[in-house]
Amino acid sequence: METTKQIEGKVLNLSISGHVDATTASELEKIVNEDVAKVEKIIFDFSNVEYISSAGLRVLLSVHKAMSSKGGELILENVSGDVKNVLEMTGFLSFLKVR
């Protein structure tokens, strides 16, 4: 997994590529947690995410809860069909904003 992080005002933009799985999820969580308190919106660009495991889903849930608890939002952009299927099957599309 590779990430590119950019903060614009109160928005954290994070481009992710590769697999978000048990090997990389803790790294992603660490990267997000560095700035979660400083921002009102987090946008994950998933255009290059090929796979997400339950460990990756746990990170999404954790970030969603952190942002929701302070009135912020988490948005996923450019989600591939395979990853979107995982989000749908697990019920994550019912509470995550995907565009």
PDB file of N, CA and C in Angstrom:
ATOM      1  N   MET A   1       0.845  -1.179   0.000  1.00  0.00           N
ATOM      2  CA  MET A   1       0.000   0.000   0.000  1.00  0.00           C
ATOM      3  C   MET A   1       0.882   1.231   0.000  1.00  0.00           C
ATOM      4  N   GLU A   2       0.492   2.191  -0.798  1.00  0.00           N
ATOM      5  CA  GLU A   2       1.150   3.491  -0.824  1.00  0.00           C
ATOM      6  C   GLU A   2       0.096   4.561  -0.591  1.00  0.00           C
ATOM      7  N   THR A   3       0.482   5.628   0.092  1.00  0.00           N
ATOM      8  CA  THR A   3      -0.449   6.718   0.363  1.00  0.00           C
ATOM      9  C   THR A   3       0.190   8.052   0.026  1.00  0.00           C
ATOM     10  N   THR A   4      -0.656   8.982  -0.378  1.00  0.00           N
ATOM     11  CA  THR A   4      -0.256  10.365  -0.576  1.00  0.00           C
ATOM     12  C   THR A   4      -1.237  11.212   0.210  1.00  0.00           C
ATOM     13  N   LYS A   5      -0.707  12.027   1.110  1.00  0.00           N
ATOM     14  CA  LYS A   5      -1.549  12.812   2.006  1.00  0.00           C
ATOM     15  C   LYS A   5      -1.405  14.293   1.695  1.00  0.00           C
ATOM     16  N   GLN A   6      -2.551  14.982   1.694  1.00  0.00           N
ATOM     17  CA  GLN A   6      -2.554  16.431   1.476  1.00  0.00           C
ATOM     18  C   GLN A   6      -3.647  17.035   2.355  1.00  0.00           C
ATOM     19  N   ILE A   7      -3.301  18.067   3.090  1.00  0.00           N
ATOM     20  CA  ILE A   7      -4.280  18.768   3.914  1.00  0.00           C
ATOM     21  C   ILE A   7      -4.532  20.134   3.298  1.00  0.00           C
ATOM     22  N   GLU A   8      -5.813  20.417   3.056  1.00  0.00           N
ATOM     23  CA  GLU A   8      -6.233  21.711   2.530  1.00  0.00           C
ATOM     24  C   GLU A   8      -7.239  22.293   3.514  1.00  0.00           C
ATOM     25  N   GLY A   9      -6.802  23.230   4.313  1.00  0.00           N
ATOM     26  CA  GLY A   9      -7.678  23.789   5.339  1.00  0.00           C
ATOM     27  C   GLY A   9      -8.062  22.725   6.346  1.00  0.00           C
ATOM     28  N   LYS A  10      -9.350  22.437   6.421  1.00  0.00           N
ATOM     29  CA  LYS A  10      -9.866  21.436   7.365  1.00  0.00           C
ATOM     30  C   LYS A  10     -10.196  20.114   6.678  1.00  0.00           C
ATOM     31  N   VAL A  11      -9.602  19.888   5.483  1.00  0.00           N
ATOM     32  CA  VAL A  11      -9.881  18.665   4.718  1.00  0.00           C
ATOM     33  C   VAL A  11      -8.590  17.877   4.524  1.00  0.00           C
ATOM     34  N   LEU A  12      -8.639  16.606   4.904  1.00  0.00           N
ATOM     35  CA  LEU A  12      -7.530  15.690   4.663  1.00  0.00           C
ATOM     36  C   LEU A  12      -7.868  14.851   3.444  1.00  0.00           C
ATOM     37  N   ASN A  13      -7.050  14.974   2.393  1.00  0.00           N
ATOM     38  CA  ASN A  13      -7.192  14.162   1.187  1.00  0.00           C
ATOM     39  C   ASN A  13      -6.116  13.092   1.232  1.00  0.00           C
ATOM     40  N   LEU A  14      -6.534  11.848   1.119  1.00  0.00           N
ATOM     41  CA  LEU A  14      -5.604  10.740   1.195  1.00  0.00           C
ATOM     42  C   LEU A  14      -5.825   9.816   0.010  1.00  0.00           C
ATOM     43  N   SER A  15      -4.834   9.757  -0.876  1.00  0.00           N
ATOM     44  CA  SER A  15      -4.884   8.834  -2.011  1.00  0.00           C
ATOM     45  C   SER A  15      -4.198   7.545  -1.592  1.00  0.00           C
ATOM     46  N   ILE A  16      -4.878   6.444  -1.824  1.00  0.00           N
ATOM     47  CA  ILE A  16      -4.384   5.142  -1.395  1.00  0.00           C
ATOM     48  C   ILE A  16      -4.272   4.250  -2.622  1.00  0.00           C
ATOM     49  N   SER A  17      -3.207   3.461  -2.678  1.00  0.00           N
ATOM     50  CA  SER A  17      -3.079   2.502  -3.771  1.00  0.00           C
ATOM     51  C   SER A  17      -2.596   1.162  -3.220  1.00  0.00           C
ATOM     52  N   GLY A  18      -2.998   0.101  -3.901  1.00  0.00           N
ATOM     53  CA  GLY A  18      -2.588  -1.236  -3.494  1.00  0.00           C
ATOM     54  C   GLY A  18      -3.659  -1.926  -2.683  1.00  0.00           C
ATOM     55  N   HIS A  19      -3.215  -2.731  -1.716  1.00  0.00           N
ATOM     56  CA  HIS A  19      -4.120  -3.514  -0.868  1.00  0.00           C
ATOM     57  C   HIS A  19      -4.222  -2.883   0.514  1.00  0.00           C
ATOM     58  N   VAL A  20      -5.437  -2.815   1.040  1.00  0.00           N
ATOM     59  CA  VAL A  20      -5.652  -2.394   2.422  1.00  0.00           C
ATOM     60  C   VAL A  20      -6.061  -3.672   3.153  1.00  0.00           C
ATOM     61  N   ASP A  21      -5.079  -4.270   3.816  1.00  0.00           N
ATOM     62  CA  ASP A  21      -5.291  -5.576   4.429  1.00  0.00           C
ATOM     63  C   ASP A  21      -4.612  -5.639   5.794  1.00  0.00           C
ATOM     64  N   ALA A  22      -4.496  -6.831   6.351  1.00  0.00           N
ATOM     65  CA  ALA A  22      -3.917  -6.996   7.686  1.00  0.00           C
ATOM     66  C   ALA A  22      -2.486  -6.472   7.763  1.00  0.00           C
ATOM     67  N   THR A  23      -1.783  -6.523   6.671  1.00  0.00           N
ATOM     68  CA  THR A  23      -0.398  -6.059   6.642  1.00  0.00           C
ATOM     69  C   THR A  23      -0.296  -4.539   6.632  1.00  0.00           C
ATOM     70  N   THR A  24      -1.250  -3.865   5.996  1.00  0.00           N
ATOM     71  CA  THR A  24      -1.141  -2.415   5.781  1.00  0.00           C
ATOM     72  C   THR A  24      -2.138  -1.575   6.578  1.00  0.00           C
ATOM     73  N   ALA A  25      -3.156  -2.195   7.146  1.00  0.00           N
ATOM     74  CA  ALA A  25      -4.224  -1.440   7.819  1.00  0.00           C
ATOM     75  C   ALA A  25      -3.701  -0.597   8.981  1.00  0.00           C
ATOM     76  N   SER A  26      -2.796  -1.133   9.759  1.00  0.00           N
ATOM     77  CA  SER A  26      -2.287  -0.367  10.909  1.00  0.00           C
ATOM     78  C   SER A  26      -1.512   0.868  10.439  1.00  0.00           C
ATOM     79  N   GLU A  27      -0.816   0.753   9.315  1.00  0.00           N
ATOM     80  CA  GLU A  27      -0.111   1.902   8.750  1.00  0.00           C
ATOM     81  C   GLU A  27      -1.100   2.982   8.317  1.00  0.00           C
ATOM     82  N   LEU A  28      -2.182   2.572   7.656  1.00  0.00           N
ATOM     83  CA  LEU A  28      -3.206   3.526   7.235  1.00  0.00           C
ATOM     84  C   LEU A  28      -3.838   4.208   8.440  1.00  0.00           C
ATOM     85  N   GLU A  29      -4.151   3.424   9.457  1.00  0.00           N
ATOM     86  CA  GLU A  29      -4.753   3.988  10.672  1.00  0.00           C
ATOM     87  C   GLU A  29      -3.825   5.005  11.324  1.00  0.00           C
ATOM     88  N   LYS A  30      -2.543   4.705  11.366  1.00  0.00           N
ATOM     89  CA  LYS A  30      -1.566   5.627  11.951  1.00  0.00           C
ATOM     90  C   LYS A  30      -1.510   6.936  11.164  1.00  0.00           C
ATOM     91  N   ILE A  31      -1.499   6.835   9.834  1.00  0.00           N
ATOM     92  CA  ILE A  31      -1.439   8.021   8.978  1.00  0.00           C
ATOM     93  C   ILE A  31      -2.664   8.907   9.203  1.00  0.00           C
ATOM     94  N   VAL A  32      -3.840   8.315   9.264  1.00  0.00           N
ATOM     95  CA  VAL A  32      -5.076   9.079   9.454  1.00  0.00           C
ATOM     96  C   VAL A  32      -5.123   9.679  10.854  1.00  0.00           C
ATOM     97  N   ASN A  33      -4.744   8.900  11.859  1.00  0.00           N
ATOM     98  CA  ASN A  33      -4.829   9.375  13.243  1.00  0.00           C
ATOM     99  C   ASN A  33      -3.924  10.565  13.526  1.00  0.00           C
ATOM    100  N   GLU A  34      -2.885  10.765  12.711  1.00  0.00           N
ATOM    101  CA  GLU A  34      -2.014  11.937  12.878  1.00  0.00           C
ATOM    102  C   GLU A  34      -2.786  13.241  12.697  1.00  0.00           C
ATOM    103  N   ASP A  35      -3.841  13.209  11.898  1.00  0.00           N
ATOM    104  CA  ASP A  35      -4.542  14.446  11.525  1.00  0.00           C
ATOM    105  C   ASP A  35      -6.033  14.453  11.829  1.00  0.00           C
ATOM    106  N   VAL A  36      -6.591  13.350  12.302  1.00  0.00           N
ATOM    107  CA  VAL A  36      -8.044  13.263  12.465  1.00  0.00           C
ATOM    108  C   VAL A  36      -8.586  14.356  13.395  1.00  0.00           C
ATOM    109  N   ALA A  37      -7.839  14.741  14.390  1.00  0.00           N
ATOM    110  CA  ALA A  37      -8.304  15.770  15.326  1.00  0.00           C
ATOM    111  C   ALA A  37      -8.295  17.170  14.711  1.00  0.00           C
ATOM    112  N   LYS A  38      -7.509  17.357  13.655  1.00  0.00           N
ATOM    113  CA  LYS A  38      -7.325  18.685  13.062  1.00  0.00           C
ATOM    114  C   LYS A  38      -8.292  18.993  11.925  1.00  0.00           C
ATOM    115  N   VAL A  39      -8.976  17.977  11.410  1.00  0.00           N
ATOM    116  CA  VAL A  39      -9.771  18.174  10.199  1.00  0.00           C
ATOM    117  C   VAL A  39     -11.258  17.942  10.444  1.00  0.00           C
ATOM    118  N   GLU A  40     -12.082  18.461   9.535  1.00  0.00           N
ATOM    119  CA  GLU A  40     -13.530  18.276   9.602  1.00  0.00           C
ATOM    120  C   GLU A  40     -14.026  17.287   8.554  1.00  0.00           C
ATOM    121  N   LYS A  41     -13.169  17.001   7.569  1.00  0.00           N
ATOM    122  CA  LYS A  41     -13.551  16.087   6.498  1.00  0.00           C
ATOM    123  C   LYS A  41     -12.322  15.292   6.072  1.00  0.00           C
ATOM    124  N   ILE A  42     -12.530  14.003   5.849  1.00  0.00           N
ATOM    125  CA  ILE A  42     -11.477  13.154   5.309  1.00  0.00           C
ATOM    126  C   ILE A  42     -12.000  12.545   4.021  1.00  0.00           C
ATOM    127  N   ILE A  43     -11.213  12.687   2.969  1.00  0.00           N
ATOM    128  CA  ILE A  43     -11.570  12.107   1.675  1.00  0.00           C
ATOM    129  C   ILE A  43     -10.519  11.070   1.308  1.00  0.00           C
ATOM    130  N   PHE A  44     -10.957   9.823   1.192  1.00  0.00           N
ATOM    131  CA  PHE A  44     -10.083   8.749   0.733  1.00  0.00           C
ATOM    132  C   PHE A  44     -10.307   8.564  -0.762  1.00  0.00           C
ATOM    133  N   ASP A  45      -9.255   8.699  -1.544  1.00  0.00           N
ATOM    134  CA  ASP A  45      -9.326   8.400  -2.976  1.00  0.00           C
ATOM    135  C   ASP A  45      -8.929   6.941  -3.149  1.00  0.00           C
ATOM    136  N   PHE A  46      -9.901   6.112  -3.475  1.00  0.00           N
ATOM    137  CA  PHE A  46      -9.694   4.675  -3.601  1.00  0.00           C
ATOM    138  C   PHE A  46      -9.502   4.238  -5.050  1.00  0.00           C
ATOM    139  N   SER A  47      -9.191   5.163  -5.961  1.00  0.00           N
ATOM    140  CA  SER A  47      -9.111   4.799  -7.371  1.00  0.00           C
ATOM    141  C   SER A  47      -8.068   3.726  -7.657  1.00  0.00           C
ATOM    142  N   ASN A  48      -7.056   3.593  -6.814  1.00  0.00           N
ATOM    143  CA  ASN A  48      -6.014   2.589  -7.021  1.00  0.00           C
ATOM    144  C   ASN A  48      -5.995   1.511  -5.946  1.00  0.00           C
ATOM    145  N   VAL A  49      -7.079   1.403  -5.177  1.00  0.00           N
ATOM    146  CA  VAL A  49      -7.180   0.330  -4.183  1.00  0.00           C
ATOM    147  C   VAL A  49      -7.745  -0.898  -4.884  1.00  0.00           C
ATOM    148  N   GLU A  50      -6.971  -1.973  -4.859  1.00  0.00           N
ATOM    149  CA  GLU A  50      -7.346  -3.206  -5.548  1.00  0.00           C
ATOM    150  C   GLU A  50      -8.091  -4.178  -4.651  1.00  0.00           C
ATOM    151  N   TYR A  51      -7.883  -4.060  -3.330  1.00  0.00           N
ATOM    152  CA  TYR A  51      -8.418  -5.055  -2.403  1.00  0.00           C
ATOM    153  C   TYR A  51      -8.540  -4.431  -1.024  1.00  0.00           C
ATOM    154  N   ILE A  52      -9.598  -4.795  -0.302  1.00  0.00           N
ATOM    155  CA  ILE A  52      -9.740  -4.386   1.097  1.00  0.00           C
ATOM    156  C   ILE A  52     -10.198  -5.598   1.902  1.00  0.00           C
ATOM    157  N   SER A  53      -9.523  -5.836   3.010  1.00  0.00           N
ATOM    158  CA  SER A  53      -9.867  -6.967   3.877  1.00  0.00           C
ATOM    159  C   SER A  53     -10.653  -6.470   5.088  1.00  0.00           C
ATOM    160  N   SER A  54     -10.971  -7.389   5.970  1.00  0.00           N
ATOM    161  CA  SER A  54     -11.692  -7.006   7.191  1.00  0.00           C
ATOM    162  C   SER A  54     -10.869  -6.042   8.039  1.00  0.00           C
ATOM    163  N   ALA A  55      -9.552  -6.159   8.001  1.00  0.00           N
ATOM    164  CA  ALA A  55      -8.698  -5.218   8.738  1.00  0.00           C
ATOM    165  C   ALA A  55      -8.830  -3.809   8.158  1.00  0.00           C
ATOM    166  N   GLY A  56      -8.924  -3.716   6.845  1.00  0.00           N
ATOM    167  CA  GLY A  56      -9.139  -2.420   6.205  1.00  0.00           C
ATOM    168  C   GLY A  56     -10.508  -1.856   6.522  1.00  0.00           C
ATOM    169  N   LEU A  57     -11.508  -2.726   6.555  1.00  0.00           N
ATOM    170  CA  LEU A  57     -12.862  -2.290   6.913  1.00  0.00           C
ATOM    171  C   LEU A  57     -12.897  -1.763   8.343  1.00  0.00           C
ATOM    172  N   ARG A  58     -12.139  -2.399   9.221  1.00  0.00           N
ATOM    173  CA  ARG A  58     -12.072  -1.940  10.616  1.00  0.00           C
ATOM    174  C   ARG A  58     -11.520  -0.522  10.682  1.00  0.00           C
ATOM    175  N   VAL A  59     -10.519  -0.211   9.853  1.00  0.00           N
ATOM    176  CA  VAL A  59      -9.959   1.145   9.817  1.00  0.00           C
ATOM    177  C   VAL A  59     -11.015   2.131   9.326  1.00  0.00           C
ATOM    178  N   LEU A  60     -11.742   1.769   8.276  1.00  0.00           N
ATOM    179  CA  LEU A  60     -12.806   2.654   7.779  1.00  0.00           C
ATOM    180  C   LEU A  60     -13.850   2.909   8.854  1.00  0.00           C
ATOM    181  N   LEU A  61     -14.239   1.873   9.565  1.00  0.00           N
ATOM    182  CA  LEU A  61     -15.227   2.018  10.636  1.00  0.00           C
ATOM    183  C   LEU A  61     -14.696   2.921  11.742  1.00  0.00           C
ATOM    184  N   SER A  62     -13.454   2.732  12.122  1.00  0.00           N
ATOM    185  CA  SER A  62     -12.837   3.546  13.174  1.00  0.00           C
ATOM    186  C   SER A  62     -12.775   5.022  12.779  1.00  0.00           C
ATOM    187  N   VAL A  63     -12.367   5.291  11.542  1.00  0.00           N
ATOM    188  CA  VAL A  63     -12.283   6.677  11.067  1.00  0.00           C
ATOM    189  C   VAL A  63     -13.679   7.276  10.965  1.00  0.00           C
ATOM    190  N   HIS A  64     -14.638   6.495  10.460  1.00  0.00           N
ATOM    191  CA  HIS A  64     -16.015   6.973  10.367  1.00  0.00           C
ATOM    192  C   HIS A  64     -16.549   7.360  11.753  1.00  0.00           C
ATOM    193  N   LYS A  65     -16.323   6.512  12.740  1.00  0.00           N
ATOM    194  CA  LYS A  65     -16.792   6.808  14.105  1.00  0.00           C
ATOM    195  C   LYS A  65     -16.119   8.056  14.666  1.00  0.00           C
ATOM    196  N   ALA A  66     -14.818   8.178  14.452  1.00  0.00           N
ATOM    197  CA  ALA A  66     -14.087   9.345  14.963  1.00  0.00           C
ATOM    198  C   ALA A  66     -14.610  10.633  14.332  1.00  0.00           C
ATOM    199  N   MET A  67     -14.848  10.591  13.032  1.00  0.00           N
ATOM    200  CA  MET A  67     -15.332  11.791  12.358  1.00  0.00           C
ATOM    201  C   MET A  67     -16.785  12.095  12.736  1.00  0.00           C
ATOM    202  N   SER A  68     -17.622  11.073  12.808  1.00  0.00           N
ATOM    203  CA  SER A  68     -19.036  11.279  13.158  1.00  0.00           C
ATOM    204  C   SER A  68     -19.190  11.835  14.564  1.00  0.00           C
ATOM    205  N   SER A  69     -18.346  11.388  15.490  1.00  0.00           N
ATOM    206  CA  SER A  69     -18.467  11.828  16.876  1.00  0.00           C
ATOM    207  C   SER A  69     -18.182  13.310  17.043  1.00  0.00           C
ATOM    208  N   LYS A  70     -17.498  13.909  16.079  1.00  0.00           N
ATOM    209  CA  LYS A  70     -17.209  15.344  16.174  1.00  0.00           C
ATOM    210  C   LYS A  70     -17.912  16.149  15.086  1.00  0.00           C
ATOM    211  N   GLY A  71     -18.890  15.525  14.422  1.00  0.00           N
ATOM    212  CA  GLY A  71     -19.665  16.220  13.411  1.00  0.00           C
ATOM    213  C   GLY A  71     -18.973  16.332  12.068  1.00  0.00           C
ATOM    214  N   GLY A  72     -17.905  15.580  11.876  1.00  0.00           N
ATOM    215  CA  GLY A  72     -17.180  15.605  10.605  1.00  0.00           C
ATOM    216  C   GLY A  72     -17.693  14.520   9.680  1.00  0.00           C
ATOM    217  N   GLU A  73     -16.996  14.322   8.568  1.00  0.00           N
ATOM    218  CA  GLU A  73     -17.427  13.281   7.647  1.00  0.00           C
ATOM    219  C   GLU A  73     -16.249  12.598   6.979  1.00  0.00           C
ATOM    220  N   LEU A  74     -16.486  11.364   6.596  1.00  0.00           N
ATOM    221  CA  LEU A  74     -15.547  10.556   5.835  1.00  0.00           C
ATOM    222  C   LEU A  74     -16.190  10.270   4.489  1.00  0.00           C
ATOM    223  N   ILE A  75     -15.454  10.510   3.416  1.00  0.00           N
ATOM    224  CA  ILE A  75     -15.963  10.276   2.068  1.00  0.00           C
ATOM    225  C   ILE A  75     -14.976   9.381   1.327  1.00  0.00           C
ATOM    226  N   LEU A  76     -15.501   8.374   0.645  1.00  0.00           N
ATOM    227  CA  LEU A  76     -14.688   7.527  -0.223  1.00  0.00           C
ATOM    228  C   LEU A  76     -14.979   7.921  -1.656  1.00  0.00           C
ATOM    229  N   GLU A  77     -13.935   8.145  -2.434  1.00  0.00           N
ATOM    230  CA  GLU A  77     -14.091   8.513  -3.841  1.00  0.00           C
ATOM    231  C   GLU A  77     -13.444   7.469  -4.736  1.00  0.00           C
ATOM    232  N   ASN A  78     -14.003   7.336  -5.944  1.00  0.00           N
ATOM    233  CA  ASN A  78     -13.409   6.495  -6.991  1.00  0.00           C
ATOM    234  C   ASN A  78     -13.214   5.048  -6.545  1.00  0.00           C
ATOM    235  N   VAL A  79     -14.225   4.487  -5.924  1.00  0.00           N
ATOM    236  CA  VAL A  79     -14.147   3.116  -5.422  1.00  0.00           C
ATOM    237  C   VAL A  79     -14.375   2.143  -6.581  1.00  0.00           C
ATOM    238  N   SER A  80     -13.469   1.179  -6.731  1.00  0.00           N
ATOM    239  CA  SER A  80     -13.584   0.193  -7.814  1.00  0.00           C
ATOM    240  C   SER A  80     -14.765  -0.738  -7.557  1.00  0.00           C
ATOM    241  N   GLY A  81     -15.171  -1.432  -8.604  1.00  0.00           N
ATOM    242  CA  GLY A  81     -16.299  -2.351  -8.489  1.00  0.00           C
ATOM    243  C   GLY A  81     -16.086  -3.445  -7.459  1.00  0.00           C
ATOM    244  N   ASP A  82     -14.894  -4.035  -7.418  1.00  0.00           N
ATOM    245  CA  ASP A  82     -14.616  -5.114  -6.469  1.00  0.00           C
ATOM    246  C   ASP A  82     -14.673  -4.628  -5.025  1.00  0.00           C
ATOM    247  N   VAL A  83     -14.052  -3.483  -4.773  1.00  0.00           N
ATOM    248  CA  VAL A  83     -14.065  -2.928  -3.413  1.00  0.00           C
ATOM    249  C   VAL A  83     -15.478  -2.497  -3.037  1.00  0.00           C
ATOM    250  N   LYS A  84     -16.198  -1.908  -3.988  1.00  0.00           N
ATOM    251  CA  LYS A  84     -17.580  -1.494  -3.719  1.00  0.00           C
ATOM    252  C   LYS A  84     -18.452  -2.707  -3.385  1.00  0.00           C
ATOM    253  N   ASN A  85     -18.215  -3.837  -4.044  1.00  0.00           N
ATOM    254  CA  ASN A  85     -18.955  -5.059  -3.729  1.00  0.00           C
ATOM    255  C   ASN A  85     -18.712  -5.500  -2.292  1.00  0.00           C
ATOM    256  N   VAL A  86     -17.470  -5.411  -1.840  1.00  0.00           N
ATOM    257  CA  VAL A  86     -17.148  -5.763  -0.451  1.00  0.00           C
ATOM    258  C   VAL A  86     -17.876  -4.826   0.503  1.00  0.00           C
ATOM    259  N   LEU A  87     -17.858  -3.535   0.208  1.00  0.00           N
ATOM    260  CA  LEU A  87     -18.545  -2.557   1.059  1.00  0.00           C
ATOM    261  C   LEU A  87     -20.043  -2.821   1.097  1.00  0.00           C
ATOM    262  N   GLU A  88     -20.599  -3.213  -0.035  1.00  0.00           N
ATOM    263  CA  GLU A  88     -22.031  -3.504  -0.098  1.00  0.00           C
ATOM    264  C   GLU A  88     -22.376  -4.773   0.683  1.00  0.00           C
ATOM    265  N   MET A  89     -21.605  -5.825   0.488  1.00  0.00           N
ATOM    266  CA  MET A  89     -21.882  -7.108   1.162  1.00  0.00           C
ATOM    267  C   MET A  89     -21.750  -7.013   2.679  1.00  0.00           C
ATOM    268  N   THR A  90     -20.883  -6.125   3.142  1.00  0.00           N
ATOM    269  CA  THR A  90     -20.665  -5.991   4.581  1.00  0.00           C
ATOM    270  C   THR A  90     -21.565  -4.939   5.224  1.00  0.00           C
ATOM    271  N   GLY A  91     -22.369  -4.255   4.416  1.00  0.00           N
ATOM    272  CA  GLY A  91     -23.278  -3.246   4.957  1.00  0.00           C
ATOM    273  C   GLY A  91     -22.646  -1.873   5.133  1.00  0.00           C
ATOM    274  N   PHE A  92     -21.397  -1.710   4.740  1.00  0.00           N
ATOM    275  CA  PHE A  92     -20.718  -0.433   4.928  1.00  0.00           C
ATOM    276  C   PHE A  92     -21.298   0.671   4.054  1.00  0.00           C
ATOM    277  N   LEU A  93     -21.903   0.314   2.929  1.00  0.00           N
ATOM    278  CA  LEU A  93     -22.501   1.344   2.076  1.00  0.00           C
ATOM    279  C   LEU A  93     -23.715   1.999   2.732  1.00  0.00           C
ATOM    280  N   SER A  94     -24.247   1.368   3.766  1.00  0.00           N
ATOM    281  CA  SER A  94     -25.399   1.950   4.445  1.00  0.00           C
ATOM    282  C   SER A  94     -25.035   3.149   5.304  1.00  0.00           C
ATOM    283  N   PHE A  95     -23.754   3.295   5.655  1.00  0.00           N
ATOM    284  CA  PHE A  95     -23.366   4.439   6.487  1.00  0.00           C
ATOM    285  C   PHE A  95     -22.178   5.231   5.945  1.00  0.00           C
ATOM    286  N   LEU A  96     -21.447   4.697   4.989  1.00  0.00           N
ATOM    287  CA  LEU A  96     -20.328   5.450   4.407  1.00  0.00           C
ATOM    288  C   LEU A  96     -20.800   6.264   3.205  1.00  0.00           C
ATOM    289  N   LYS A  97     -20.212   7.425   3.023  1.00  0.00           N
ATOM    290  CA  LYS A  97     -20.494   8.238   1.860  1.00  0.00           C
ATOM    291  C   LYS A  97     -19.503   7.838   0.758  1.00  0.00           C
ATOM    292  N   VAL A  98     -20.035   7.367  -0.357  1.00  0.00           N
ATOM    293  CA  VAL A  98     -19.217   6.954  -1.479  1.00  0.00           C
ATOM    294  C   VAL A  98     -19.646   7.767  -2.694  1.00  0.00           C
ATOM    295  N   ARG A  99     -18.665   8.373  -3.331  1.00  0.00           N
ATOM    296  CA  ARG A  99     -18.977   9.132  -4.546  1.00  0.00           C
ATOM    297  C   ARG A  99     -17.958   8.872  -5.626  1.00  0.00           C
TER     298      ARG A  99
END
